[in-house]
């Protein structure tokens, strides 16, 4: 595992989360009316999830784990390696589902879900990042 690559991706993740925090409106109603905030939140949440997947795949590339068959499986690989908890693995697997909707527009985006992620679940990304940082420190 190239620790510099992972550290750079962690920094990009941090910037995405800061951007979400900075641009998140004070209410769901404001988000529904603010297309710019919608774009900023959706883009940065999607990027944050993709960065978490990329970090996972990078770490797994130097492990004995089989190649994940899906983006969500990358988190299962980290769980098996003891890098993340069962709780974070489940949360990140669900995040991939949100990313797929946001990126591919499989369904109309539910702004209540985006708002909930932006206001109540950014800490999940921070816990993921902390687990990865601890791995880098080993």
N, C-alpha and C. Protein backbone atom coordinates (compact mmCIF):
# COMPACT_ATOMS: atom_id res chain seq x y z
N UNK A 1 0.85 -1.18 0.00
CA UNK A 1 0.00 0.00 0.00
C UNK A 1 0.90 1.24 0.00
N UNK A 2 0.57 2.15 -0.87
CA UNK A 2 1.30 3.42 -0.94
C UNK A 2 0.63 4.40 0.01
N UNK A 3 1.29 4.65 1.13
CA UNK A 3 0.71 5.52 2.17
C UNK A 3 0.50 6.95 1.68
N UNK A 4 1.33 7.43 0.78
CA UNK A 4 1.18 8.79 0.26
C UNK A 4 -0.11 8.89 -0.56
N UNK A 5 -0.37 7.90 -1.37
CA UNK A 5 -1.59 7.88 -2.17
C UNK A 5 -2.81 7.90 -1.26
N UNK A 6 -2.80 7.05 -0.25
CA UNK A 6 -3.93 6.98 0.68
C UNK A 6 -4.08 8.30 1.44
N UNK A 7 -2.99 8.86 1.89
CA UNK A 7 -3.04 10.15 2.62
C UNK A 7 -3.60 11.25 1.74
N UNK A 8 -3.22 11.27 0.48
CA UNK A 8 -3.76 12.29 -0.45
C UNK A 8 -5.26 12.10 -0.65
N UNK A 9 -5.70 10.87 -0.75
CA UNK A 9 -7.13 10.60 -0.90
C UNK A 9 -7.89 10.98 0.37
N UNK A 10 -7.28 10.75 1.52
CA UNK A 10 -7.91 11.18 2.77
C UNK A 10 -8.06 12.69 2.83
N UNK A 11 -7.07 13.41 2.33
CA UNK A 11 -7.16 14.87 2.30
C UNK A 11 -8.26 15.32 1.34
N UNK A 12 -8.39 14.67 0.21
CA UNK A 12 -9.47 15.00 -0.71
C UNK A 12 -10.83 14.71 -0.07
N UNK A 13 -10.92 13.62 0.67
CA UNK A 13 -12.15 13.29 1.39
C UNK A 13 -12.48 14.38 2.40
N UNK A 14 -11.47 14.83 3.14
CA UNK A 14 -11.68 15.89 4.12
C UNK A 14 -12.22 17.15 3.45
N UNK A 15 -11.65 17.51 2.30
CA UNK A 15 -12.10 18.71 1.58
C UNK A 15 -13.55 18.57 1.13
N UNK A 16 -13.94 17.39 0.67
CA UNK A 16 -15.33 17.16 0.26
C UNK A 16 -16.27 17.37 1.44
N UNK A 17 -15.91 16.83 2.58
CA UNK A 17 -16.77 16.95 3.76
C UNK A 17 -16.87 18.40 4.23
N UNK A 18 -15.77 19.12 4.17
CA UNK A 18 -15.80 20.54 4.53
C UNK A 18 -16.72 21.30 3.58
N UNK A 19 -16.64 20.99 2.33
CA UNK A 19 -17.48 21.65 1.33
C UNK A 19 -18.97 21.40 1.61
N UNK A 20 -19.31 20.18 1.97
CA UNK A 20 -20.70 19.85 2.31
C UNK A 20 -21.12 20.66 3.54
N UNK A 21 -20.27 20.69 4.54
CA UNK A 21 -20.59 21.44 5.76
C UNK A 21 -20.78 22.93 5.46
N UNK A 22 -19.94 23.47 4.60
CA UNK A 22 -20.01 24.90 4.28
C UNK A 22 -21.27 25.27 3.49
N UNK A 23 -21.70 24.39 2.60
CA UNK A 23 -22.79 24.74 1.69
C UNK A 23 -24.15 24.15 2.06
N UNK A 24 -24.20 23.37 3.13
CA UNK A 24 -25.47 22.77 3.51
C UNK A 24 -26.40 23.85 4.08
N UNK A 25 -27.58 24.01 3.49
CA UNK A 25 -28.53 25.00 4.01
C UNK A 25 -28.99 24.63 5.41
N UNK A 26 -29.62 25.57 6.06
CA UNK A 26 -30.08 25.38 7.44
C UNK A 26 -31.32 24.50 7.53
N UNK A 27 -32.01 24.28 6.42
CA UNK A 27 -33.21 23.45 6.46
C UNK A 27 -33.36 22.69 5.14
N UNK A 28 -34.16 21.63 5.21
CA UNK A 28 -34.48 20.84 4.02
C UNK A 28 -35.20 21.71 3.00
N UNK A 29 -36.13 22.56 3.46
CA UNK A 29 -36.87 23.43 2.55
C UNK A 29 -35.93 24.33 1.76
N UNK A 30 -34.90 24.86 2.44
CA UNK A 30 -33.92 25.69 1.73
C UNK A 30 -33.16 24.88 0.69
N UNK A 31 -32.80 23.64 1.03
CA UNK A 31 -32.09 22.79 0.07
C UNK A 31 -32.96 22.52 -1.15
N UNK A 32 -34.22 22.25 -0.94
CA UNK A 32 -35.14 21.96 -2.05
C UNK A 32 -35.21 23.15 -3.02
N UNK A 33 -35.06 24.34 -2.50
CA UNK A 33 -35.16 25.55 -3.33
C UNK A 33 -33.83 26.02 -3.91
N UNK A 34 -32.72 25.49 -3.42
CA UNK A 34 -31.39 25.99 -3.80
C UNK A 34 -30.67 24.98 -4.68
N UNK A 35 -30.77 25.17 -5.99
CA UNK A 35 -30.16 24.23 -6.93
C UNK A 35 -28.64 24.20 -6.82
N UNK A 36 -28.03 25.33 -6.50
CA UNK A 36 -26.58 25.34 -6.35
C UNK A 36 -26.16 24.49 -5.15
N UNK A 37 -26.86 24.63 -4.05
CA UNK A 37 -26.56 23.81 -2.87
C UNK A 37 -26.79 22.34 -3.18
N UNK A 38 -27.85 22.03 -3.92
CA UNK A 38 -28.11 20.65 -4.32
C UNK A 38 -26.92 20.08 -5.08
N UNK A 39 -26.43 20.87 -6.04
CA UNK A 39 -25.29 20.42 -6.84
C UNK A 39 -24.04 20.22 -5.99
N UNK A 40 -23.75 21.18 -5.12
CA UNK A 40 -22.55 21.10 -4.29
C UNK A 40 -22.63 19.89 -3.36
N UNK A 41 -23.76 19.71 -2.72
CA UNK A 41 -23.90 18.59 -1.79
C UNK A 41 -23.84 17.25 -2.52
N UNK A 42 -24.58 17.13 -3.60
CA UNK A 42 -24.60 15.87 -4.33
C UNK A 42 -23.22 15.53 -4.89
N UNK A 43 -22.56 16.49 -5.50
CA UNK A 43 -21.24 16.25 -6.06
C UNK A 43 -20.24 15.85 -4.98
N UNK A 44 -20.21 16.60 -3.89
CA UNK A 44 -19.20 16.33 -2.87
C UNK A 44 -19.50 15.07 -2.07
N UNK A 45 -20.77 14.76 -1.84
CA UNK A 45 -21.09 13.48 -1.19
C UNK A 45 -20.73 12.31 -2.10
N UNK A 46 -21.02 12.44 -3.38
CA UNK A 46 -20.67 11.39 -4.34
C UNK A 46 -19.16 11.21 -4.42
N UNK A 47 -18.45 12.32 -4.47
CA UNK A 47 -16.98 12.25 -4.49
C UNK A 47 -16.45 11.63 -3.22
N UNK A 48 -17.02 11.99 -2.08
CA UNK A 48 -16.57 11.44 -0.80
C UNK A 48 -16.73 9.91 -0.79
N UNK A 49 -17.86 9.45 -1.26
CA UNK A 49 -18.11 8.00 -1.31
C UNK A 49 -17.13 7.33 -2.26
N UNK A 50 -16.93 7.93 -3.43
CA UNK A 50 -15.99 7.37 -4.40
C UNK A 50 -14.57 7.33 -3.82
N UNK A 51 -14.19 8.36 -3.10
CA UNK A 51 -12.86 8.37 -2.48
C UNK A 51 -12.72 7.25 -1.45
N UNK A 52 -13.77 7.01 -0.68
CA UNK A 52 -13.75 5.92 0.30
C UNK A 52 -13.59 4.57 -0.41
N UNK A 53 -14.27 4.40 -1.53
CA UNK A 53 -14.12 3.18 -2.32
C UNK A 53 -12.69 3.07 -2.85
N UNK A 54 -12.18 4.16 -3.41
CA UNK A 54 -10.82 4.16 -3.96
C UNK A 54 -9.79 3.82 -2.89
N UNK A 55 -9.94 4.41 -1.72
CA UNK A 55 -9.03 4.12 -0.60
C UNK A 55 -9.11 2.63 -0.26
N UNK A 56 -10.31 2.12 -0.17
CA UNK A 56 -10.50 0.71 0.16
C UNK A 56 -9.83 -0.20 -0.86
N UNK A 57 -10.07 0.08 -2.12
CA UNK A 57 -9.48 -0.74 -3.17
C UNK A 57 -7.96 -0.67 -3.16
N UNK A 58 -7.44 0.51 -2.88
CA UNK A 58 -5.98 0.67 -2.84
C UNK A 58 -5.40 -0.19 -1.70
N UNK A 59 -6.03 -0.13 -0.55
CA UNK A 59 -5.56 -0.93 0.58
C UNK A 59 -5.68 -2.42 0.27
N UNK A 60 -6.80 -2.81 -0.29
CA UNK A 60 -7.02 -4.23 -0.59
C UNK A 60 -6.09 -4.76 -1.67
N UNK A 61 -5.58 -3.87 -2.53
CA UNK A 61 -4.69 -4.32 -3.61
C UNK A 61 -3.40 -4.92 -3.06
N UNK A 62 -3.05 -4.59 -1.83
CA UNK A 62 -1.84 -5.16 -1.24
C UNK A 62 -2.16 -6.16 -0.13
N UNK A 63 -3.38 -6.68 -0.16
CA UNK A 63 -3.78 -7.69 0.83
C UNK A 63 -3.98 -9.02 0.13
N UNK A 64 -4.34 -10.01 0.90
CA UNK A 64 -4.64 -11.33 0.33
C UNK A 64 -6.12 -11.49 -0.01
N UNK A 65 -6.88 -10.42 0.12
CA UNK A 65 -8.31 -10.47 -0.17
C UNK A 65 -8.54 -10.62 -1.68
N UNK A 66 -9.60 -11.33 -2.05
CA UNK A 66 -9.94 -11.38 -3.48
C UNK A 66 -10.38 -10.00 -3.97
N UNK A 67 -10.29 -9.79 -5.25
CA UNK A 67 -10.71 -8.52 -5.83
C UNK A 67 -12.21 -8.36 -5.61
N UNK A 68 -12.63 -7.24 -5.02
CA UNK A 68 -14.06 -7.02 -4.79
C UNK A 68 -14.82 -7.02 -6.11
N UNK A 69 -16.01 -7.62 -6.09
CA UNK A 69 -16.84 -7.70 -7.28
C UNK A 69 -17.74 -6.49 -7.46
N UNK A 70 -17.82 -5.66 -6.42
CA UNK A 70 -18.62 -4.44 -6.51
C UNK A 70 -17.97 -3.38 -5.64
N UNK A 71 -18.41 -2.16 -5.81
CA UNK A 71 -17.88 -1.07 -4.99
C UNK A 71 -18.17 -1.34 -3.51
N UNK A 72 -19.38 -1.79 -3.22
CA UNK A 72 -19.76 -2.06 -1.83
C UNK A 72 -18.90 -3.17 -1.23
N UNK A 73 -18.52 -4.15 -2.04
CA UNK A 73 -17.70 -5.26 -1.55
C UNK A 73 -16.31 -4.80 -1.09
N UNK A 74 -15.87 -3.65 -1.56
CA UNK A 74 -14.58 -3.12 -1.10
C UNK A 74 -14.60 -2.90 0.41
N UNK A 75 -15.74 -2.48 0.94
CA UNK A 75 -15.84 -2.25 2.37
C UNK A 75 -15.88 -3.57 3.15
N UNK A 76 -16.47 -4.59 2.54
CA UNK A 76 -16.47 -5.90 3.16
C UNK A 76 -15.03 -6.42 3.26
N UNK A 77 -14.24 -6.14 2.24
CA UNK A 77 -12.83 -6.52 2.27
C UNK A 77 -12.09 -5.84 3.41
N UNK A 78 -12.37 -4.56 3.62
CA UNK A 78 -11.72 -3.85 4.73
C UNK A 78 -12.17 -4.41 6.07
N UNK A 79 -13.43 -4.79 6.15
CA UNK A 79 -13.93 -5.42 7.38
C UNK A 79 -13.16 -6.71 7.65
N UNK A 80 -13.00 -7.54 6.62
CA UNK A 80 -12.28 -8.80 6.77
C UNK A 80 -10.81 -8.59 7.16
N UNK A 81 -10.26 -7.46 6.73
CA UNK A 81 -8.87 -7.13 7.08
C UNK A 81 -8.77 -6.52 8.47
N UNK A 82 -9.91 -6.25 9.10
CA UNK A 82 -9.91 -5.66 10.44
C UNK A 82 -9.65 -4.17 10.47
N UNK A 83 -9.85 -3.52 9.32
CA UNK A 83 -9.58 -2.08 9.22
C UNK A 83 -10.78 -1.26 9.70
N UNK A 84 -11.98 -1.73 9.37
CA UNK A 84 -13.21 -1.02 9.77
C UNK A 84 -14.13 -1.97 10.53
N UNK A 85 -15.08 -1.38 11.25
CA UNK A 85 -16.04 -2.16 12.03
C UNK A 85 -17.21 -2.62 11.15
N UNK A 86 -17.98 -3.54 11.68
CA UNK A 86 -19.19 -4.01 11.01
C UNK A 86 -20.13 -2.83 10.76
N UNK A 87 -20.26 -1.95 11.74
CA UNK A 87 -21.15 -0.80 11.61
C UNK A 87 -20.73 0.10 10.44
N UNK A 88 -19.46 0.44 10.38
CA UNK A 88 -18.98 1.32 9.30
C UNK A 88 -19.08 0.60 7.96
N UNK A 89 -18.82 -0.69 7.94
CA UNK A 89 -18.94 -1.44 6.68
C UNK A 89 -20.37 -1.34 6.15
N UNK A 90 -21.36 -1.52 7.02
CA UNK A 90 -22.76 -1.43 6.60
C UNK A 90 -23.14 -0.05 6.13
N UNK A 91 -22.68 0.95 6.84
CA UNK A 91 -22.98 2.34 6.47
C UNK A 91 -22.37 2.67 5.11
N UNK A 92 -21.13 2.27 4.90
CA UNK A 92 -20.46 2.60 3.64
C UNK A 92 -21.06 1.81 2.47
N UNK A 93 -21.50 0.60 2.72
CA UNK A 93 -22.18 -0.16 1.65
C UNK A 93 -23.44 0.59 1.22
N UNK A 94 -24.21 1.11 2.19
CA UNK A 94 -25.41 1.87 1.86
C UNK A 94 -25.05 3.16 1.13
N UNK A 95 -23.94 3.75 1.50
CA UNK A 95 -23.51 4.99 0.84
C UNK A 95 -23.27 4.77 -0.65
N UNK A 96 -22.75 3.61 -1.00
CA UNK A 96 -22.54 3.29 -2.42
C UNK A 96 -23.86 3.32 -3.16
N UNK A 97 -24.92 2.84 -2.52
CA UNK A 97 -26.24 2.89 -3.15
C UNK A 97 -26.67 4.31 -3.42
N UNK A 98 -26.44 5.20 -2.47
CA UNK A 98 -26.76 6.62 -2.69
C UNK A 98 -25.93 7.16 -3.84
N UNK A 99 -24.64 6.85 -3.85
CA UNK A 99 -23.75 7.36 -4.91
C UNK A 99 -24.24 6.91 -6.28
N UNK A 100 -24.66 5.67 -6.37
CA UNK A 100 -25.13 5.16 -7.66
C UNK A 100 -26.37 5.92 -8.14
N UNK A 101 -27.26 6.21 -7.23
CA UNK A 101 -28.46 6.99 -7.59
C UNK A 101 -28.04 8.39 -8.02
N UNK A 102 -27.19 9.01 -7.24
CA UNK A 102 -26.78 10.39 -7.53
C UNK A 102 -26.03 10.50 -8.85
N UNK A 103 -25.13 9.56 -9.11
CA UNK A 103 -24.31 9.63 -10.31
C UNK A 103 -25.08 9.19 -11.55
N UNK A 104 -25.79 8.12 -11.44
CA UNK A 104 -26.44 7.53 -12.61
C UNK A 104 -27.91 7.90 -12.75
N UNK A 105 -28.41 8.63 -11.77
CA UNK A 105 -29.81 9.07 -11.76
C UNK A 105 -30.77 7.92 -12.00
N UNK A 106 -30.52 6.82 -11.29
CA UNK A 106 -31.41 5.68 -11.41
C UNK A 106 -32.82 6.05 -10.93
N UNK A 107 -32.87 6.92 -9.98
CA UNK A 107 -34.14 7.39 -9.45
C UNK A 107 -34.02 8.90 -9.26
N UNK A 108 -35.13 9.53 -9.10
CA UNK A 108 -35.09 10.94 -8.78
C UNK A 108 -34.49 11.10 -7.38
N UNK A 109 -33.56 12.02 -7.25
CA UNK A 109 -32.89 12.20 -5.96
C UNK A 109 -33.89 12.69 -4.93
N UNK A 110 -33.84 12.08 -3.77
CA UNK A 110 -34.68 12.46 -2.65
C UNK A 110 -33.86 13.43 -1.79
N UNK A 111 -34.24 14.71 -1.83
CA UNK A 111 -33.46 15.73 -1.14
C UNK A 111 -33.48 15.57 0.36
N UNK A 112 -34.49 14.91 0.90
CA UNK A 112 -34.53 14.64 2.33
C UNK A 112 -33.39 13.69 2.72
N UNK A 113 -33.09 12.74 1.85
CA UNK A 113 -31.98 11.82 2.11
C UNK A 113 -30.66 12.56 2.02
N UNK A 114 -30.50 13.38 1.00
CA UNK A 114 -29.28 14.17 0.85
C UNK A 114 -29.08 15.05 2.08
N UNK A 115 -30.15 15.71 2.52
CA UNK A 115 -30.07 16.59 3.68
C UNK A 115 -29.72 15.80 4.94
N UNK A 116 -30.30 14.63 5.09
CA UNK A 116 -30.01 13.79 6.26
C UNK A 116 -28.54 13.37 6.28
N UNK A 117 -28.04 12.98 5.13
CA UNK A 117 -26.62 12.59 5.05
C UNK A 117 -25.74 13.79 5.40
N UNK A 118 -26.06 14.94 4.82
CA UNK A 118 -25.24 16.14 5.00
C UNK A 118 -25.28 16.67 6.42
N UNK A 119 -26.38 16.45 7.11
CA UNK A 119 -26.51 17.03 8.45
C UNK A 119 -26.29 16.04 9.59
N UNK A 120 -26.46 14.75 9.30
CA UNK A 120 -26.38 13.78 10.40
C UNK A 120 -25.39 12.64 10.18
N UNK A 121 -24.85 12.50 8.98
CA UNK A 121 -24.03 11.32 8.73
C UNK A 121 -22.61 11.60 8.24
N UNK A 122 -22.21 12.85 8.22
CA UNK A 122 -20.83 13.14 7.82
C UNK A 122 -19.84 12.52 8.80
N UNK A 123 -20.29 12.35 10.04
CA UNK A 123 -19.41 11.73 11.05
C UNK A 123 -19.04 10.31 10.66
N UNK A 124 -19.90 9.63 9.91
CA UNK A 124 -19.58 8.28 9.45
C UNK A 124 -18.35 8.29 8.54
N UNK A 125 -18.27 9.29 7.67
CA UNK A 125 -17.10 9.42 6.80
C UNK A 125 -15.85 9.73 7.63
N UNK A 126 -16.04 10.51 8.67
CA UNK A 126 -14.91 10.87 9.54
C UNK A 126 -14.42 9.66 10.32
N UNK A 127 -15.33 8.80 10.74
CA UNK A 127 -14.94 7.56 11.43
C UNK A 127 -14.18 6.67 10.45
N UNK A 128 -14.68 6.56 9.23
CA UNK A 128 -13.98 5.78 8.20
C UNK A 128 -12.56 6.32 8.03
N UNK A 129 -12.44 7.64 7.88
CA UNK A 129 -11.13 8.26 7.68
C UNK A 129 -10.20 8.01 8.88
N UNK A 130 -10.76 8.03 10.07
CA UNK A 130 -9.97 7.77 11.28
C UNK A 130 -9.43 6.34 11.26
N UNK A 131 -10.25 5.40 10.86
CA UNK A 131 -9.81 4.00 10.76
C UNK A 131 -8.66 3.88 9.77
N UNK A 132 -8.77 4.56 8.66
CA UNK A 132 -7.72 4.50 7.64
C UNK A 132 -6.45 5.19 8.15
N UNK A 133 -6.61 6.33 8.80
CA UNK A 133 -5.45 7.04 9.36
C UNK A 133 -4.71 6.17 10.36
N UNK A 134 -5.47 5.45 11.18
CA UNK A 134 -4.84 4.55 12.15
C UNK A 134 -4.05 3.45 11.45
N UNK A 135 -4.57 2.96 10.33
CA UNK A 135 -3.86 1.96 9.55
C UNK A 135 -2.56 2.55 9.01
N UNK A 136 -2.60 3.79 8.55
CA UNK A 136 -1.39 4.44 8.02
C UNK A 136 -0.34 4.62 9.10
N UNK A 137 -0.79 4.81 10.35
CA UNK A 137 0.13 5.04 11.45
C UNK A 137 0.82 3.77 11.95
N UNK A 138 0.31 2.62 11.52
CA UNK A 138 0.91 1.34 11.98
C UNK A 138 2.28 1.13 11.41
